[in-house]
Amino acid sequence: MATIKQLLEQKGSEVLSIGPDESVLAAITKMAENNIGSLVVLEAGKLAGIVTERHYARNVFLKGRSSPKTTVGEIMSTRVVCARPEQSVEEGMAVMTDKAVRHLPVLEKGQLIGIISIGDLVKSIISDQKFIIEQLELYITG
């Protein structure tokens, strides 16, 4: 059973971020350039929130607001669900399912050390299942 820490070691711990005073246009542009669906919002180096494509769609686009004039701080979620490095991948998946989120910043002793997505967790679970299947096939075929 893999842990979030092991997943970050394989994936990498780079976290792209943005400040709450930056424009939503800057956030969406950064997400598009990096092919990601969320940005961690940092204020004075500390986790202040998270902004996702869903936040943009629901709080800017559908409300007819201006992306260049709306700040990230106006639409971001400040109640951020986080993971701990010692949690299992399965626990991370359960948290995401229970809280209906697709991205989990990973905190260790209050410090941001990475972020995982639901895609990262699914990929890890599929990899583990593939390994188990291969081992069972080897066992069966002798």
N, C-alpha and C. Protein backbone atom coordinates (compact mmCIF):
# COMPACT_ATOMS: atom_id res chain seq x y z
N MET A 1 0.85 -1.17 0.00
CA MET A 1 0.00 0.00 0.00
C MET A 1 0.90 1.24 0.00
N ALA A 2 0.86 1.99 -1.09
CA ALA A 2 1.71 3.17 -1.25
C ALA A 2 1.21 4.33 -0.41
N THR A 3 2.14 5.18 -0.02
CA THR A 3 1.79 6.37 0.74
C THR A 3 1.83 7.60 -0.17
N ILE A 4 1.24 8.67 0.32
CA ILE A 4 1.27 9.95 -0.40
C ILE A 4 2.72 10.40 -0.59
N LYS A 5 3.56 10.18 0.42
CA LYS A 5 4.97 10.56 0.32
C LYS A 5 5.65 9.81 -0.83
N GLN A 6 5.40 8.50 -0.94
CA GLN A 6 5.98 7.71 -2.02
C GLN A 6 5.48 8.19 -3.38
N LEU A 7 4.22 8.54 -3.43
CA LEU A 7 3.65 9.06 -4.67
C LEU A 7 4.34 10.36 -5.08
N LEU A 8 4.56 11.26 -4.11
CA LEU A 8 5.25 12.52 -4.40
C LEU A 8 6.69 12.29 -4.84
N GLU A 9 7.35 11.27 -4.25
CA GLU A 9 8.73 10.95 -4.64
C GLU A 9 8.79 10.52 -6.11
N GLN A 10 7.77 9.80 -6.57
CA GLN A 10 7.72 9.36 -7.97
C GLN A 10 7.31 10.51 -8.89
N LYS A 11 6.31 11.25 -8.48
CA LYS A 11 5.72 12.31 -9.30
C LYS A 11 6.56 13.58 -9.30
N GLY A 12 7.15 13.88 -8.16
CA GLY A 12 7.84 15.15 -7.98
C GLY A 12 7.02 16.04 -7.06
N SER A 13 7.69 16.95 -6.41
CA SER A 13 6.99 17.76 -5.41
C SER A 13 6.83 19.22 -5.84
N GLU A 14 7.05 19.50 -7.12
CA GLU A 14 6.87 20.88 -7.59
C GLU A 14 5.41 21.30 -7.42
N VAL A 15 5.21 22.47 -6.84
CA VAL A 15 3.88 23.02 -6.65
C VAL A 15 3.83 24.39 -7.30
N LEU A 16 2.93 24.55 -8.24
CA LEU A 16 2.75 25.86 -8.86
C LEU A 16 1.76 26.64 -8.02
N SER A 17 2.06 27.91 -7.82
CA SER A 17 1.22 28.72 -6.94
C SER A 17 0.96 30.09 -7.54
N ILE A 18 0.08 30.79 -6.88
CA ILE A 18 -0.28 32.15 -7.27
C ILE A 18 -0.66 32.90 -6.00
N GLY A 19 -0.59 34.21 -6.06
CA GLY A 19 -0.98 35.04 -4.91
C GLY A 19 -2.44 35.44 -4.99
N PRO A 20 -3.06 35.72 -3.86
CA PRO A 20 -4.49 36.07 -3.84
C PRO A 20 -4.81 37.39 -4.54
N ASP A 21 -3.83 38.28 -4.68
CA ASP A 21 -4.07 39.57 -5.32
C ASP A 21 -3.88 39.55 -6.83
N GLU A 22 -3.42 38.41 -7.35
CA GLU A 22 -3.23 38.30 -8.80
C GLU A 22 -4.58 38.08 -9.48
N SER A 23 -4.64 38.38 -10.77
CA SER A 23 -5.91 38.27 -11.50
C SER A 23 -6.25 36.81 -11.79
N VAL A 24 -7.53 36.58 -11.95
CA VAL A 24 -8.00 35.26 -12.34
C VAL A 24 -7.46 34.92 -13.73
N LEU A 25 -7.33 35.91 -14.59
CA LEU A 25 -6.76 35.67 -15.91
C LEU A 25 -5.34 35.11 -15.79
N ALA A 26 -4.54 35.66 -14.89
CA ALA A 26 -3.18 35.16 -14.67
C ALA A 26 -3.22 33.71 -14.18
N ALA A 27 -4.17 33.40 -13.31
CA ALA A 27 -4.29 32.04 -12.78
C ALA A 27 -4.68 31.05 -13.88
N ILE A 28 -5.68 31.40 -14.66
CA ILE A 28 -6.15 30.51 -15.73
C ILE A 28 -5.06 30.33 -16.79
N THR A 29 -4.35 31.40 -17.08
CA THR A 29 -3.24 31.32 -18.05
C THR A 29 -2.17 30.37 -17.55
N LYS A 30 -1.80 30.49 -16.27
CA LYS A 30 -0.77 29.62 -15.69
C LYS A 30 -1.21 28.16 -15.71
N MET A 31 -2.49 27.92 -15.39
CA MET A 31 -3.00 26.55 -15.42
C MET A 31 -2.93 25.99 -16.84
N ALA A 32 -3.35 26.79 -17.82
CA ALA A 32 -3.36 26.33 -19.21
C ALA A 32 -1.94 26.06 -19.71
N GLU A 33 -1.01 26.95 -19.39
CA GLU A 33 0.38 26.77 -19.83
C GLU A 33 1.03 25.53 -19.25
N ASN A 34 0.58 25.13 -18.06
CA ASN A 34 1.17 23.97 -17.39
C ASN A 34 0.29 22.73 -17.42
N ASN A 35 -0.84 22.82 -18.13
CA ASN A 35 -1.77 21.70 -18.27
C ASN A 35 -2.18 21.12 -16.92
N ILE A 36 -2.58 22.01 -16.02
CA ILE A 36 -3.03 21.61 -14.68
C ILE A 36 -4.40 22.23 -14.40
N GLY A 37 -5.08 21.71 -13.39
CA GLY A 37 -6.42 22.17 -13.09
C GLY A 37 -6.56 22.98 -11.82
N SER A 38 -5.44 23.22 -11.13
CA SER A 38 -5.53 24.01 -9.90
C SER A 38 -4.20 24.67 -9.60
N LEU A 39 -4.29 25.70 -8.78
CA LEU A 39 -3.10 26.37 -8.25
C LEU A 39 -3.28 26.56 -6.75
N VAL A 40 -2.22 26.33 -6.03
CA VAL A 40 -2.22 26.62 -4.61
C VAL A 40 -2.05 28.14 -4.47
N VAL A 41 -2.81 28.73 -3.57
CA VAL A 41 -2.70 30.17 -3.33
C VAL A 41 -1.86 30.37 -2.08
N LEU A 42 -0.73 31.07 -2.26
CA LEU A 42 0.18 31.34 -1.15
C LEU A 42 0.17 32.83 -0.82
N GLU A 43 0.16 33.10 0.47
CA GLU A 43 0.25 34.47 0.96
C GLU A 43 1.34 34.49 2.03
N ALA A 44 2.37 35.28 1.80
CA ALA A 44 3.52 35.33 2.70
C ALA A 44 4.12 33.94 2.90
N GLY A 45 4.14 33.14 1.82
CA GLY A 45 4.73 31.81 1.87
C GLY A 45 3.88 30.74 2.53
N LYS A 46 2.70 31.09 2.98
CA LYS A 46 1.81 30.14 3.66
C LYS A 46 0.59 29.83 2.80
N LEU A 47 0.07 28.63 2.95
CA LEU A 47 -1.12 28.20 2.23
C LEU A 47 -2.31 29.06 2.64
N ALA A 48 -2.87 29.78 1.67
CA ALA A 48 -4.03 30.64 1.95
C ALA A 48 -5.30 30.11 1.31
N GLY A 49 -5.13 29.24 0.30
CA GLY A 49 -6.30 28.71 -0.40
C GLY A 49 -5.90 27.91 -1.61
N ILE A 50 -6.90 27.59 -2.40
CA ILE A 50 -6.69 26.88 -3.66
C ILE A 50 -7.68 27.44 -4.67
N VAL A 51 -7.24 27.56 -5.90
CA VAL A 51 -8.11 28.01 -6.97
C VAL A 51 -8.06 26.97 -8.08
N THR A 52 -9.22 26.62 -8.60
CA THR A 52 -9.32 25.57 -9.61
C THR A 52 -10.10 26.07 -10.82
N GLU A 53 -10.03 25.28 -11.88
CA GLU A 53 -10.82 25.60 -13.07
C GLU A 53 -12.31 25.66 -12.71
N ARG A 54 -12.73 24.84 -11.79
CA ARG A 54 -14.13 24.84 -11.35
C ARG A 54 -14.48 26.17 -10.69
N HIS A 55 -13.58 26.71 -9.86
CA HIS A 55 -13.82 28.03 -9.26
C HIS A 55 -14.01 29.08 -10.34
N TYR A 56 -13.16 29.02 -11.35
CA TYR A 56 -13.26 29.97 -12.46
C TYR A 56 -14.60 29.84 -13.17
N ALA A 57 -14.94 28.60 -13.54
CA ALA A 57 -16.17 28.38 -14.29
C ALA A 57 -17.41 28.86 -13.53
N ARG A 58 -17.47 28.56 -12.26
CA ARG A 58 -18.67 28.87 -11.48
C ARG A 58 -18.71 30.30 -10.96
N ASN A 59 -17.55 30.87 -10.65
CA ASN A 59 -17.54 32.18 -9.98
C ASN A 59 -17.13 33.35 -10.86
N VAL A 60 -16.66 33.06 -12.06
CA VAL A 60 -16.29 34.13 -12.98
C VAL A 60 -17.09 33.99 -14.26
N PHE A 61 -16.85 32.94 -15.00
CA PHE A 61 -17.47 32.77 -16.31
C PHE A 61 -19.00 32.79 -16.23
N LEU A 62 -19.57 31.93 -15.38
CA LEU A 62 -21.03 31.83 -15.31
C LEU A 62 -21.70 33.07 -14.72
N LYS A 63 -20.93 33.86 -13.99
CA LYS A 63 -21.48 35.08 -13.40
C LYS A 63 -21.18 36.33 -14.23
N GLY A 64 -20.55 36.12 -15.39
CA GLY A 64 -20.28 37.23 -16.29
C GLY A 64 -19.25 38.22 -15.76
N ARG A 65 -18.38 37.76 -14.87
CA ARG A 65 -17.35 38.64 -14.32
C ARG A 65 -16.16 38.72 -15.27
N SER A 66 -15.33 39.69 -15.07
CA SER A 66 -14.16 39.90 -15.91
C SER A 66 -12.94 39.19 -15.32
N SER A 67 -12.32 38.31 -16.10
CA SER A 67 -11.14 37.59 -15.63
C SER A 67 -9.97 38.51 -15.29
N PRO A 68 -9.71 39.57 -16.08
CA PRO A 68 -8.59 40.45 -15.74
C PRO A 68 -8.85 41.31 -14.50
N LYS A 69 -10.12 41.56 -14.20
CA LYS A 69 -10.45 42.46 -13.08
C LYS A 69 -10.76 41.72 -11.78
N THR A 70 -11.06 40.43 -11.86
CA THR A 70 -11.38 39.64 -10.67
C THR A 70 -10.09 39.06 -10.12
N THR A 71 -9.90 39.14 -8.81
CA THR A 71 -8.69 38.58 -8.21
C THR A 71 -8.91 37.13 -7.78
N VAL A 72 -7.83 36.42 -7.68
CA VAL A 72 -7.86 35.03 -7.22
C VAL A 72 -8.49 34.97 -5.83
N GLY A 73 -8.15 35.93 -4.97
CA GLY A 73 -8.69 35.96 -3.61
C GLY A 73 -10.20 36.04 -3.55
N GLU A 74 -10.82 36.59 -4.59
CA GLU A 74 -12.28 36.72 -4.62
C GLU A 74 -12.98 35.40 -4.91
N ILE A 75 -12.29 34.47 -5.57
CA ILE A 75 -12.97 33.22 -5.98
C ILE A 75 -12.37 31.96 -5.37
N MET A 76 -11.20 32.07 -4.75
CA MET A 76 -10.52 30.87 -4.24
C MET A 76 -11.27 30.26 -3.06
N SER A 77 -11.00 29.01 -2.82
CA SER A 77 -11.51 28.34 -1.64
C SER A 77 -10.48 28.49 -0.53
N THR A 78 -10.92 28.97 0.62
CA THR A 78 -10.00 29.12 1.75
C THR A 78 -10.08 27.94 2.71
N ARG A 79 -11.08 27.12 2.55
CA ARG A 79 -11.21 25.90 3.36
C ARG A 79 -10.60 24.76 2.57
N VAL A 80 -9.28 24.64 2.67
CA VAL A 80 -8.54 23.69 1.85
C VAL A 80 -8.41 22.35 2.57
N VAL A 81 -8.84 21.31 1.89
CA VAL A 81 -8.67 19.95 2.40
C VAL A 81 -7.26 19.52 2.00
N CYS A 82 -6.49 19.04 2.97
CA CYS A 82 -5.09 18.69 2.73
C CYS A 82 -4.83 17.23 3.08
N ALA A 83 -3.73 16.72 2.59
CA ALA A 83 -3.28 15.37 2.90
C ALA A 83 -1.98 15.45 3.69
N ARG A 84 -1.67 14.36 4.37
CA ARG A 84 -0.39 14.23 5.08
C ARG A 84 0.44 13.18 4.35
N PRO A 85 1.77 13.32 4.36
CA PRO A 85 2.62 12.39 3.60
C PRO A 85 2.50 10.94 4.04
N GLU A 86 2.18 10.69 5.30
CA GLU A 86 2.11 9.31 5.77
C GLU A 86 0.79 8.62 5.43
N GLN A 87 -0.18 9.35 4.91
CA GLN A 87 -1.45 8.74 4.54
C GLN A 87 -1.25 7.82 3.33
N SER A 88 -2.07 6.79 3.27
CA SER A 88 -2.01 5.88 2.12
C SER A 88 -2.72 6.52 0.93
N VAL A 89 -2.41 6.01 -0.25
CA VAL A 89 -3.07 6.47 -1.46
C VAL A 89 -4.57 6.24 -1.33
N GLU A 90 -4.95 5.10 -0.76
CA GLU A 90 -6.36 4.78 -0.58
C GLU A 90 -7.04 5.79 0.35
N GLU A 91 -6.35 6.21 1.41
CA GLU A 91 -6.90 7.23 2.31
C GLU A 91 -7.07 8.56 1.57
N GLY A 92 -6.11 8.89 0.74
CA GLY A 92 -6.22 10.11 -0.06
C GLY A 92 -7.42 10.06 -0.98
N MET A 93 -7.63 8.92 -1.61
CA MET A 93 -8.79 8.74 -2.49
C MET A 93 -10.09 8.86 -1.71
N ALA A 94 -10.13 8.29 -0.51
CA ALA A 94 -11.33 8.38 0.33
C ALA A 94 -11.62 9.83 0.72
N VAL A 95 -10.58 10.58 1.06
CA VAL A 95 -10.76 12.00 1.42
C VAL A 95 -11.31 12.77 0.23
N MET A 96 -10.71 12.56 -0.95
CA MET A 96 -11.17 13.26 -2.15
C MET A 96 -12.63 12.94 -2.45
N THR A 97 -12.98 11.67 -2.33
CA THR A 97 -14.36 11.26 -2.59
C THR A 97 -15.31 11.86 -1.58
N ASP A 98 -14.94 11.79 -0.30
CA ASP A 98 -15.80 12.29 0.77
C ASP A 98 -15.99 13.80 0.69
N LYS A 99 -14.95 14.52 0.38
CA LYS A 99 -15.00 16.00 0.37
C LYS A 99 -15.28 16.57 -1.02
N ALA A 100 -15.41 15.71 -2.03
CA ALA A 100 -15.69 16.12 -3.41
C ALA A 100 -14.67 17.13 -3.93
N VAL A 101 -13.39 16.80 -3.75
CA VAL A 101 -12.31 17.63 -4.27
C VAL A 101 -11.44 16.79 -5.20
N ARG A 102 -10.70 17.47 -6.07
CA ARG A 102 -9.87 16.76 -7.05
C ARG A 102 -8.39 17.01 -6.85
N HIS A 103 -8.05 17.88 -5.90
CA HIS A 103 -6.65 18.22 -5.64
C HIS A 103 -6.44 18.32 -4.14
N LEU A 104 -5.34 17.75 -3.67
CA LEU A 104 -5.00 17.80 -2.25
C LEU A 104 -3.59 18.33 -2.07
N PRO A 105 -3.45 19.53 -1.52
CA PRO A 105 -2.12 19.96 -1.12
C PRO A 105 -1.63 19.02 -0.01
N VAL A 106 -0.34 18.76 0.02
CA VAL A 106 0.23 17.86 1.02
C VAL A 106 1.06 18.70 1.99
N LEU A 107 0.69 18.64 3.27
CA LEU A 107 1.37 19.40 4.30
C LEU A 107 2.11 18.48 5.25
N GLU A 108 3.34 18.88 5.60
CA GLU A 108 4.13 18.17 6.60
C GLU A 108 4.61 19.20 7.61
N LYS A 109 4.16 19.06 8.85
CA LYS A 109 4.49 20.02 9.92
C LYS A 109 4.15 21.45 9.50
N GLY A 110 3.00 21.59 8.86
CA GLY A 110 2.53 22.91 8.46
C GLY A 110 3.15 23.46 7.19
N GLN A 111 4.11 22.75 6.61
CA GLN A 111 4.79 23.20 5.39
C GLN A 111 4.23 22.48 4.17
N LEU A 112 3.99 23.21 3.10
CA LEU A 112 3.52 22.64 1.85
C LEU A 112 4.67 21.90 1.17
N ILE A 113 4.49 20.59 0.94
CA ILE A 113 5.57 19.80 0.32
C ILE A 113 5.18 19.22 -1.03
N GLY A 114 3.95 19.43 -1.46
CA GLY A 114 3.52 18.91 -2.75
C GLY A 114 2.02 19.03 -2.91
N ILE A 115 1.54 18.56 -4.04
CA ILE A 115 0.10 18.50 -4.30
C ILE A 115 -0.17 17.26 -5.13
N ILE A 116 -1.28 16.61 -4.85
CA ILE A 116 -1.66 15.43 -5.60
C ILE A 116 -3.06 15.65 -6.18
N SER A 117 -3.28 15.03 -7.33
CA SER A 117 -4.59 15.12 -7.97
C SER A 117 -5.26 13.75 -7.94
N ILE A 118 -6.51 13.75 -8.24
CA ILE A 118 -7.24 12.49 -8.30
C ILE A 118 -6.63 11.59 -9.38
N GLY A 119 -6.14 12.21 -10.45
CA GLY A 119 -5.47 11.44 -11.51
C GLY A 119 -4.22 10.75 -11.01
N ASP A 120 -3.45 11.44 -10.16
CA ASP A 120 -2.25 10.83 -9.57
C ASP A 120 -2.61 9.60 -8.75
N LEU A 121 -3.69 9.71 -7.97
CA LEU A 121 -4.10 8.59 -7.12
C LEU A 121 -4.61 7.42 -7.94
N VAL A 122 -5.43 7.71 -8.95
CA VAL A 122 -5.95 6.64 -9.82
C VAL A 122 -4.80 5.93 -10.52
N LYS A 123 -3.84 6.68 -11.04
CA LYS A 123 -2.68 6.10 -11.71
C LYS A 123 -1.92 5.17 -10.77
N SER A 124 -1.73 5.59 -9.52
CA SER A 124 -1.02 4.77 -8.54
C SER A 124 -1.78 3.49 -8.22
N ILE A 125 -3.08 3.60 -8.05
CA ILE A 125 -3.91 2.43 -7.72
C ILE A 125 -3.90 1.45 -8.89
N ILE A 126 -4.01 1.94 -10.11
CA ILE A 126 -3.99 1.07 -11.29
C ILE A 126 -2.64 0.36 -11.40
N SER A 127 -1.56 1.08 -11.13
CA SER A 127 -0.23 0.49 -11.18
C SER A 127 -0.09 -0.63 -10.16
N ASP A 128 -0.59 -0.39 -8.94
CA ASP A 128 -0.53 -1.42 -7.89
C ASP A 128 -1.35 -2.64 -8.29
N GLN A 129 -2.54 -2.40 -8.85
CA GLN A 129 -3.39 -3.52 -9.26
C GLN A 129 -2.76 -4.31 -10.40
N LYS A 130 -2.12 -3.61 -11.33
CA LYS A 130 -1.44 -4.28 -12.44
C LYS A 130 -0.34 -5.19 -11.91
N PHE A 131 0.44 -4.70 -10.94
CA PHE A 131 1.51 -5.50 -10.34
C PHE A 131 0.94 -6.76 -9.68
N ILE A 132 -0.14 -6.60 -8.93
CA ILE A 132 -0.76 -7.74 -8.24
C ILE A 132 -1.25 -8.77 -9.26
N ILE A 133 -1.86 -8.31 -10.32
CA ILE A 133 -2.36 -9.21 -11.36
C ILE A 133 -1.20 -9.98 -12.00
N GLU A 134 -0.11 -9.27 -12.30
CA GLU A 134 1.06 -9.93 -12.89
C GLU A 134 1.62 -10.99 -11.95
N GLN A 135 1.68 -10.69 -10.66
CA GLN A 135 2.20 -11.65 -9.69
C GLN A 135 1.28 -12.87 -9.58
N LEU A 136 -0.01 -12.64 -9.60
CA LEU A 136 -0.96 -13.76 -9.54
C LEU A 136 -0.86 -14.63 -10.80
N GLU A 137 -0.70 -14.00 -11.95
CA GLU A 137 -0.54 -14.77 -13.21
C GLU A 137 0.72 -15.61 -13.15
N LEU A 138 1.81 -15.06 -12.64
CA LEU A 138 3.05 -15.83 -12.50
C LEU A 138 2.87 -17.00 -11.55
N TYR A 139 2.16 -16.76 -10.46
CA TYR A 139 1.92 -17.81 -9.48
C TYR A 139 1.09 -18.94 -10.09
N ILE A 140 0.05 -18.57 -10.84
CA ILE A 140 -0.85 -19.56 -11.42
C ILE A 140 -0.13 -20.38 -12.51
N THR A 141 0.67 -19.71 -13.33
CA THR A 141 1.33 -20.41 -14.43
C THR A 141 2.61 -21.13 -13.99
N GLY A 142 2.98 -20.95 -12.76
CA GLY A 142 4.05 -21.73 -12.18
C GLY A 142 5.42 -21.24 -12.36
